[in-house]
């Protein structure tokens, strides 16, 4: 059975995480819910299946995708280079894939370079299926050229060790009180793969309808899975 663990950071811990995520400002609390989940209903869904494989980029459901270096759209797994994110509990259904197991559709890898998602407007929510989470994975929210928030693999899970199976993939839901217009993903090593992005112009409740963190410059809500041994 999967365990649901809810952790709330109190004053000092919340401030430290707040400084990491938004660069400044105090937080009343950040709640991380460890449960199997996916994107909320009623938002915009992007599965990248229409992108050509390789680093040509393009547009998927209104989201512009561009690459630098060895970042690209891929399928399957290539040993030591990229591994398909792992779908579970039907969390790919909203994106047209109800199958559990390694993602068999097109997904994105940063390689050791950069992926930029240009959103169609000013957004306050983004979600993504984040595979083989590592501490050196970084996701940055931008409003124009200004960073309004940063999330690393260490913010997602304490076991950010690149697990390529079910226990290493998380559907991450992020709400920001500051609007952002693009999202930049980077990694210093081959490890950051993602698919099934959701976005919305307003903050949204996570799928389990748990209370969201709503105070401060950036609210981070992460839905992730922790399996019992």
C-alpha atoms as a PDB file:
ATOM      1  CA  UNK A   1       0.000   0.000   0.000  1.00  0.00           C
ATOM      2  CA  UNK A   2       1.117   3.560  -0.626  1.00  0.00           C
ATOM      3  CA  UNK A   3       1.544   5.786   2.390  1.00  0.00           C
ATOM      4  CA  UNK A   4       0.283   9.339   2.482  1.00  0.00           C
ATOM      5  CA  UNK A   5       2.579  11.604   4.445  1.00  0.00           C
ATOM      6  CA  UNK A   6       1.800  15.260   5.038  1.00  0.00           C
ATOM      7  CA  UNK A   7       4.641  17.471   6.218  1.00  0.00           C
ATOM      8  CA  UNK A   8       4.238  21.106   7.199  1.00  0.00           C
ATOM      9  CA  UNK A   9       7.295  23.293   7.565  1.00  0.00           C
ATOM     10  CA  UNK A  10       7.093  25.652  10.490  1.00  0.00           C
ATOM     11  CA  UNK A  11       8.475  29.192  10.749  1.00  0.00           C
ATOM     12  CA  UNK A  12      12.249  28.654  10.344  1.00  0.00           C
ATOM     13  CA  UNK A  13      11.952  25.810   7.849  1.00  0.00           C
ATOM     14  CA  UNK A  14       9.294  27.610   5.864  1.00  0.00           C
ATOM     15  CA  UNK A  15      11.412  30.739   5.666  1.00  0.00           C
ATOM     16  CA  UNK A  16      14.408  28.765   4.431  1.00  0.00           C
ATOM     17  CA  UNK A  17      12.367  27.101   1.705  1.00  0.00           C
ATOM     18  CA  UNK A  18      10.712  30.389   0.866  1.00  0.00           C
ATOM     19  CA  UNK A  19      14.116  31.988   0.319  1.00  0.00           C
ATOM     20  CA  UNK A  20      15.063  29.127  -1.989  1.00  0.00           C
ATOM     21  CA  UNK A  21      11.866  29.325  -4.013  1.00  0.00           C
ATOM     22  CA  UNK A  22      11.237  33.029  -4.318  1.00  0.00           C
ATOM     23  CA  UNK A  23      14.519  34.682  -3.432  1.00  0.00           C
ATOM     24  CA  UNK A  24      12.994  36.739  -0.609  1.00  0.00           C
ATOM     25  CA  UNK A  25      10.038  36.936   1.714  1.00  0.00           C
ATOM     26  CA  UNK A  26       8.627  35.007   4.652  1.00  0.00           C
ATOM     27  CA  UNK A  27       6.252  32.065   4.509  1.00  0.00           C
ATOM     28  CA  UNK A  28       3.617  31.059   7.001  1.00  0.00           C
ATOM     29  CA  UNK A  29       3.944  27.412   5.944  1.00  0.00           C
ATOM     30  CA  UNK A  30       4.546  25.039   3.043  1.00  0.00           C
ATOM     31  CA  UNK A  31       2.710  21.722   2.863  1.00  0.00           C
ATOM     32  CA  UNK A  32       4.057  18.778   0.874  1.00  0.00           C
ATOM     33  CA  UNK A  33       1.583  15.946   0.386  1.00  0.00           C
ATOM     34  CA  UNK A  34       3.017  12.541  -0.464  1.00  0.00           C
ATOM     35  CA  UNK A  35       0.272  10.740  -2.325  1.00  0.00           C
ATOM     36  CA  UNK A  36      -0.168   9.173  -5.741  1.00  0.00           C
ATOM     37  CA  UNK A  37      -1.694  11.862  -7.906  1.00  0.00           C
ATOM     38  CA  UNK A  38      -1.762  13.728 -11.154  1.00  0.00           C
ATOM     39  CA  UNK A  39      -2.929  16.995 -12.644  1.00  0.00           C
ATOM     40  CA  UNK A  40      -6.161  18.665 -11.476  1.00  0.00           C
ATOM     41  CA  UNK A  41      -9.213  18.627 -13.722  1.00  0.00           C
ATOM     42  CA  UNK A  42     -10.261  21.614 -15.774  1.00  0.00           C
ATOM     43  CA  UNK A  43      -6.783  22.933 -16.621  1.00  0.00           C
ATOM     44  CA  UNK A  44      -4.811  22.885 -19.885  1.00  0.00           C
ATOM     45  CA  UNK A  45      -2.974  19.680 -20.760  1.00  0.00           C
ATOM     46  CA  UNK A  46       0.170  19.249 -22.877  1.00  0.00           C
ATOM     47  CA  UNK A  47       1.533  15.810 -23.778  1.00  0.00           C
ATOM     48  CA  UNK A  48       4.197  16.741 -26.407  1.00  0.00           C
ATOM     49  CA  UNK A  49       3.108  13.844 -28.625  1.00  0.00           C
ATOM     50  CA  UNK A  50       2.895  16.169 -31.633  1.00  0.00           C
ATOM     51  CA  UNK A  51       6.528  17.255 -31.377  1.00  0.00           C
ATOM     52  CA  UNK A  52       9.059  15.782 -33.768  1.00  0.00           C
ATOM     53  CA  UNK A  53      11.769  13.771 -32.047  1.00  0.00           C
ATOM     54  CA  UNK A  54      15.063  15.611 -31.646  1.00  0.00           C
ATOM     55  CA  UNK A  55      15.915  19.190 -30.735  1.00  0.00           C
ATOM     56  CA  UNK A  56      13.854  21.056 -33.323  1.00  0.00           C
ATOM     57  CA  UNK A  57      11.262  22.158 -30.766  1.00  0.00           C
ATOM     58  CA  UNK A  58       7.848  23.477 -31.758  1.00  0.00           C
ATOM     59  CA  UNK A  59       4.455  24.090 -30.178  1.00  0.00           C
ATOM     60  CA  UNK A  60       2.276  21.676 -28.216  1.00  0.00           C
ATOM     61  CA  UNK A  61      -1.252  22.751 -27.225  1.00  0.00           C
ATOM     62  CA  UNK A  62      -0.298  26.413 -27.119  1.00  0.00           C
ATOM     63  CA  UNK A  63       3.015  25.910 -25.332  1.00  0.00           C
ATOM     64  CA  UNK A  64       6.216  26.755 -27.194  1.00  0.00           C
ATOM     65  CA  UNK A  65       9.053  24.279 -26.632  1.00  0.00           C
ATOM     66  CA  UNK A  66      12.684  25.149 -27.335  1.00  0.00           C
ATOM     67  CA  UNK A  67      15.948  23.365 -26.621  1.00  0.00           C
ATOM     68  CA  UNK A  68      19.631  24.118 -26.203  1.00  0.00           C
ATOM     69  CA  UNK A  69      22.531  21.687 -26.453  1.00  0.00           C
ATOM     70  CA  UNK A  70      21.556  18.034 -26.016  1.00  0.00           C
ATOM     71  CA  UNK A  71      18.037  18.706 -24.695  1.00  0.00           C
ATOM     72  CA  UNK A  72      15.422  17.111 -26.952  1.00  0.00           C
ATOM     73  CA  UNK A  73      12.121  15.315 -27.423  1.00  0.00           C
ATOM     74  CA  UNK A  74      12.621  11.542 -27.165  1.00  0.00           C
ATOM     75  CA  UNK A  75      10.896   8.204 -26.709  1.00  0.00           C
ATOM     76  CA  UNK A  76      11.963   5.131 -24.753  1.00  0.00           C
ATOM     77  CA  UNK A  77      15.185   5.022 -22.758  1.00  0.00           C
ATOM     78  CA  UNK A  78      18.866   5.304 -23.637  1.00  0.00           C
ATOM     79  CA  UNK A  79      21.229   3.906 -21.007  1.00  0.00           C
ATOM     80  CA  UNK A  80      23.143   6.608 -19.177  1.00  0.00           C
ATOM     81  CA  UNK A  81      21.435   9.385 -21.161  1.00  0.00           C
ATOM     82  CA  UNK A  82      17.687   9.407 -20.421  1.00  0.00           C
ATOM     83  CA  UNK A  83      14.956   7.175 -18.992  1.00  0.00           C
ATOM     84  CA  UNK A  84      11.218   7.366 -19.553  1.00  0.00           C
ATOM     85  CA  UNK A  85       9.174   8.784 -16.649  1.00  0.00           C
ATOM     86  CA  UNK A  86       6.982   6.204 -14.933  1.00  0.00           C
ATOM     87  CA  UNK A  87       3.190   6.463 -15.113  1.00  0.00           C
ATOM     88  CA  UNK A  88       1.168   5.007 -12.246  1.00  0.00           C
ATOM     89  CA  UNK A  89      -2.340   4.966 -10.832  1.00  0.00           C
ATOM     90  CA  UNK A  90      -3.744   6.114 -14.179  1.00  0.00           C
ATOM     91  CA  UNK A  91      -2.255   9.602 -13.815  1.00  0.00           C
ATOM     92  CA  UNK A  92      -1.637   9.791 -17.559  1.00  0.00           C
ATOM     93  CA  UNK A  93      -5.317   9.439 -18.456  1.00  0.00           C
ATOM     94  CA  UNK A  94      -5.945  13.179 -18.746  1.00  0.00           C
ATOM     95  CA  UNK A  95      -3.092  13.322 -21.263  1.00  0.00           C
ATOM     96  CA  UNK A  96      -4.397  10.506 -23.446  1.00  0.00           C
ATOM     97  CA  UNK A  97      -2.442   7.620 -21.926  1.00  0.00           C
ATOM     98  CA  UNK A  98      -4.178   5.397 -19.405  1.00  0.00           C
ATOM     99  CA  UNK A  99      -1.375   2.819 -19.337  1.00  0.00           C
ATOM    100  CA  UNK A 100       0.745   2.391 -16.227  1.00  0.00           C
ATOM    101  CA  UNK A 101       4.457   1.742 -16.531  1.00  0.00           C
ATOM    102  CA  UNK A 102       7.297   3.518 -18.350  1.00  0.00           C
ATOM    103  CA  UNK A 103       6.017   6.381 -20.502  1.00  0.00           C
ATOM    104  CA  UNK A 104       5.768   4.980 -24.040  1.00  0.00           C
ATOM    105  CA  UNK A 105       4.942   8.345 -25.647  1.00  0.00           C
ATOM    106  CA  UNK A 106       7.113  11.346 -26.528  1.00  0.00           C
ATOM    107  CA  UNK A 107       8.640  13.087 -23.515  1.00  0.00           C
ATOM    108  CA  UNK A 108      11.276  15.757 -22.929  1.00  0.00           C
ATOM    109  CA  UNK A 109      14.814  15.392 -21.603  1.00  0.00           C
ATOM    110  CA  UNK A 110      17.028  18.309 -20.631  1.00  0.00           C
ATOM    111  CA  UNK A 111      20.199  16.289 -21.116  1.00  0.00           C
ATOM    112  CA  UNK A 112      22.865  18.546 -19.613  1.00  0.00           C
ATOM    113  CA  UNK A 113      21.325  21.621 -21.207  1.00  0.00           C
ATOM    114  CA  UNK A 114      18.099  23.640 -21.133  1.00  0.00           C
ATOM    115  CA  UNK A 115      14.444  23.251 -22.061  1.00  0.00           C
ATOM    116  CA  UNK A 116      12.225  26.336 -22.169  1.00  0.00           C
ATOM    117  CA  UNK A 117       8.427  26.219 -22.157  1.00  0.00           C
ATOM    118  CA  UNK A 118       6.865  29.491 -23.323  1.00  0.00           C
ATOM    119  CA  UNK A 119       3.328  29.657 -21.974  1.00  0.00           C
ATOM    120  CA  UNK A 120       0.434  31.337 -23.809  1.00  0.00           C
ATOM    121  CA  UNK A 121      -0.185  33.860 -21.034  1.00  0.00           C
ATOM    122  CA  UNK A 122       0.516  34.817 -17.440  1.00  0.00           C
ATOM    123  CA  UNK A 123       0.049  31.606 -15.460  1.00  0.00           C
ATOM    124  CA  UNK A 124      -0.168  30.811 -11.751  1.00  0.00           C
ATOM    125  CA  UNK A 125      -0.135  27.000 -11.874  1.00  0.00           C
ATOM    126  CA  UNK A 126       1.993  24.378 -13.588  1.00  0.00           C
ATOM    127  CA  UNK A 127       2.148  20.626 -13.125  1.00  0.00           C
ATOM    128  CA  UNK A 128       4.439  18.034 -14.659  1.00  0.00           C
ATOM    129  CA  UNK A 129       5.304  14.348 -14.565  1.00  0.00           C
ATOM    130  CA  UNK A 130       8.910  14.604 -13.339  1.00  0.00           C
ATOM    131  CA  UNK A 131      10.961  11.464 -13.910  1.00  0.00           C
ATOM    132  CA  UNK A 132      14.081  10.134 -12.135  1.00  0.00           C
ATOM    133  CA  UNK A 133      14.252  13.108  -9.773  1.00  0.00           C
ATOM    134  CA  UNK A 134      17.781  14.199  -8.866  1.00  0.00           C
ATOM    135  CA  UNK A 135      19.103  16.994  -6.644  1.00  0.00           C
ATOM    136  CA  UNK A 136      20.767  18.630  -9.648  1.00  0.00           C
ATOM    137  CA  UNK A 137      17.467  19.043 -11.541  1.00  0.00           C
ATOM    138  CA  UNK A 138      16.244  22.662 -11.537  1.00  0.00           C
ATOM    139  CA  UNK A 139      12.953  24.214 -12.632  1.00  0.00           C
ATOM    140  CA  UNK A 140      12.690  28.016 -12.780  1.00  0.00           C
ATOM    141  CA  UNK A 141       9.571  30.138 -13.212  1.00  0.00           C
ATOM    142  CA  UNK A 142      10.055  33.363 -15.182  1.00  0.00           C
ATOM    143  CA  UNK A 143       7.900  36.424 -15.733  1.00  0.00           C
ATOM    144  CA  UNK A 144       9.587  37.839 -18.798  1.00  0.00           C
ATOM    145  CA  UNK A 145      13.264  37.903 -17.823  1.00  0.00           C
ATOM    146  CA  UNK A 146      12.613  37.928 -14.067  1.00  0.00           C
ATOM    147  CA  UNK A 147      12.818  34.714 -12.021  1.00  0.00           C
ATOM    148  CA  UNK A 148       9.840  34.462  -9.669  1.00  0.00           C
ATOM    149  CA  UNK A 149      10.550  30.981  -8.297  1.00  0.00           C
ATOM    150  CA  UNK A 150      12.987  28.069  -8.346  1.00  0.00           C
ATOM    151  CA  UNK A 151      12.297  24.414  -7.570  1.00  0.00           C
ATOM    152  CA  UNK A 152      14.992  21.720  -7.379  1.00  0.00           C
ATOM    153  CA  UNK A 153      14.833  17.963  -7.080  1.00  0.00           C
ATOM    154  CA  UNK A 154      15.657  18.329  -3.395  1.00  0.00           C
ATOM    155  CA  UNK A 155      12.365  20.233  -2.927  1.00  0.00           C
ATOM    156  CA  UNK A 156      10.445  17.297  -4.392  1.00  0.00           C
ATOM    157  CA  UNK A 157      11.809  14.389  -2.373  1.00  0.00           C
ATOM    158  CA  UNK A 158      14.505  13.633   0.168  1.00  0.00           C
ATOM    159  CA  UNK A 159      15.434  10.569  -1.920  1.00  0.00           C
ATOM    160  CA  UNK A 160      16.423  12.630  -4.969  1.00  0.00           C
ATOM    161  CA  UNK A 161      18.762   9.939  -6.290  1.00  0.00           C
ATOM    162  CA  UNK A 162      17.628   9.433  -9.884  1.00  0.00           C
ATOM    163  CA  UNK A 163      15.487   6.333  -9.324  1.00  0.00           C
ATOM    164  CA  UNK A 164      14.216   5.430 -12.806  1.00  0.00           C
ATOM    165  CA  UNK A 165      11.284   3.331 -11.610  1.00  0.00           C
ATOM    166  CA  UNK A 166       7.899   4.094 -10.094  1.00  0.00           C
ATOM    167  CA  UNK A 167       9.464   5.356  -6.870  1.00  0.00           C
ATOM    168  CA  UNK A 168      11.528   7.963  -8.700  1.00  0.00           C
ATOM    169  CA  UNK A 169       8.762   9.676 -10.715  1.00  0.00           C
ATOM    170  CA  UNK A 170       6.480  12.298  -9.181  1.00  0.00           C
ATOM    171  CA  UNK A 171       3.607  14.351 -10.507  1.00  0.00           C
ATOM    172  CA  UNK A 172       4.490  17.800  -9.228  1.00  0.00           C
ATOM    173  CA  UNK A 173       1.821  20.503  -8.834  1.00  0.00           C
ATOM    174  CA  UNK A 174       3.152  24.040  -8.344  1.00  0.00           C
ATOM    175  CA  UNK A 175       1.044  27.110  -7.551  1.00  0.00           C
ATOM    176  CA  UNK A 176       2.573  30.587  -7.613  1.00  0.00           C
ATOM    177  CA  UNK A 177       0.975  33.795  -6.355  1.00  0.00           C
ATOM    178  CA  UNK A 178       3.334  35.618  -8.740  1.00  0.00           C
ATOM    179  CA  UNK A 179       2.461  35.178 -12.411  1.00  0.00           C
ATOM    180  CA  UNK A 180       4.958  33.491 -14.719  1.00  0.00           C
ATOM    181  CA  UNK A 181       5.129  33.361 -18.518  1.00  0.00           C
ATOM    182  CA  UNK A 182       7.771  30.702 -19.092  1.00  0.00           C
ATOM    183  CA  UNK A 183       9.366  27.745 -17.338  1.00  0.00           C
ATOM    184  CA  UNK A 184      13.011  26.734 -17.758  1.00  0.00           C
ATOM    185  CA  UNK A 185      14.257  23.250 -16.906  1.00  0.00           C
ATOM    186  CA  UNK A 186      17.970  22.482 -16.543  1.00  0.00           C
ATOM    187  CA  UNK A 187      20.213  19.754 -15.185  1.00  0.00           C
ATOM    188  CA  UNK A 188      23.949  19.576 -14.657  1.00  0.00           C
ATOM    189  CA  UNK A 189      23.883  15.845 -15.448  1.00  0.00           C
ATOM    190  CA  UNK A 190      21.723  13.576 -17.619  1.00  0.00           C
ATOM    191  CA  UNK A 191      18.745  13.064 -15.335  1.00  0.00           C
ATOM    192  CA  UNK A 192      15.800  15.432 -15.902  1.00  0.00           C
ATOM    193  CA  UNK A 193      12.975  13.911 -17.949  1.00  0.00           C
ATOM    194  CA  UNK A 194       9.397  15.149 -17.935  1.00  0.00           C
ATOM    195  CA  UNK A 195       6.066  14.828 -19.715  1.00  0.00           C
ATOM    196  CA  UNK A 196       2.359  15.607 -19.299  1.00  0.00           C
ATOM    197  CA  UNK A 197       2.518  19.275 -18.382  1.00  0.00           C
ATOM    198  CA  UNK A 198      -0.580  21.087 -17.109  1.00  0.00           C
ATOM    199  CA  UNK A 199      -0.959  24.843 -16.729  1.00  0.00           C
ATOM    200  CA  UNK A 200      -3.569  27.366 -15.671  1.00  0.00           C
ATOM    201  CA  UNK A 201      -3.930  31.131 -15.328  1.00  0.00           C
ATOM    202  CA  UNK A 202      -5.048  30.853 -11.711  1.00  0.00           C
ATOM    203  CA  UNK A 203      -3.900  28.711  -8.810  1.00  0.00           C
ATOM    204  CA  UNK A 204      -5.793  25.424  -8.653  1.00  0.00           C
ATOM    205  CA  UNK A 205      -6.493  22.802  -6.006  1.00  0.00           C
ATOM    206  CA  UNK A 206      -4.454  19.642  -6.268  1.00  0.00           C
ATOM    207  CA  UNK A 207      -6.292  16.475  -7.386  1.00  0.00           C
ATOM    208  CA  UNK A 208      -6.947  15.183  -3.870  1.00  0.00           C
ATOM    209  CA  UNK A 209      -8.554  18.566  -3.009  1.00  0.00           C
ATOM    210  CA  UNK A 210      -6.201  19.010  -0.066  1.00  0.00           C
ATOM    211  CA  UNK A 211      -5.647  22.521   1.277  1.00  0.00           C
ATOM    212  CA  UNK A 212      -3.128  24.542  -0.691  1.00  0.00           C
ATOM    213  CA  UNK A 213      -0.452  26.753   0.710  1.00  0.00           C
ATOM    214  CA  UNK A 214      -1.743  30.259   0.025  1.00  0.00           C
ATOM    215  CA  UNK A 215       0.546  32.743   1.778  1.00  0.00           C
ATOM    216  CA  UNK A 216       3.805  34.208   0.516  1.00  0.00           C
ATOM    217  CA  UNK A 217       5.415  34.963  -2.810  1.00  0.00           C
ATOM    218  CA  UNK A 218       5.383  31.405  -4.111  1.00  0.00           C
ATOM    219  CA  UNK A 219       3.218  28.519  -2.950  1.00  0.00           C
ATOM    220  CA  UNK A 220       4.639  25.110  -3.741  1.00  0.00           C
ATOM    221  CA  UNK A 221       2.399  22.078  -3.580  1.00  0.00           C
ATOM    222  CA  UNK A 222       3.982  18.778  -4.528  1.00  0.00           C
ATOM    223  CA  UNK A 223       2.063  15.562  -4.962  1.00  0.00           C
ATOM    224  CA  UNK A 224       4.396  12.641  -4.812  1.00  0.00           C
ATOM    225  CA  UNK A 225       4.543   8.961  -4.059  1.00  0.00           C
ATOM    226  CA  UNK A 226       6.293   7.175  -1.208  1.00  0.00           C
ATOM    227  CA  UNK A 227       6.027   3.395  -1.331  1.00  0.00           C
ATOM    228  CA  UNK A 228       6.299   1.255   1.781  1.00  0.00           C
ATOM    229  CA  UNK A 229       8.893  -1.478   1.634  1.00  0.00           C
END
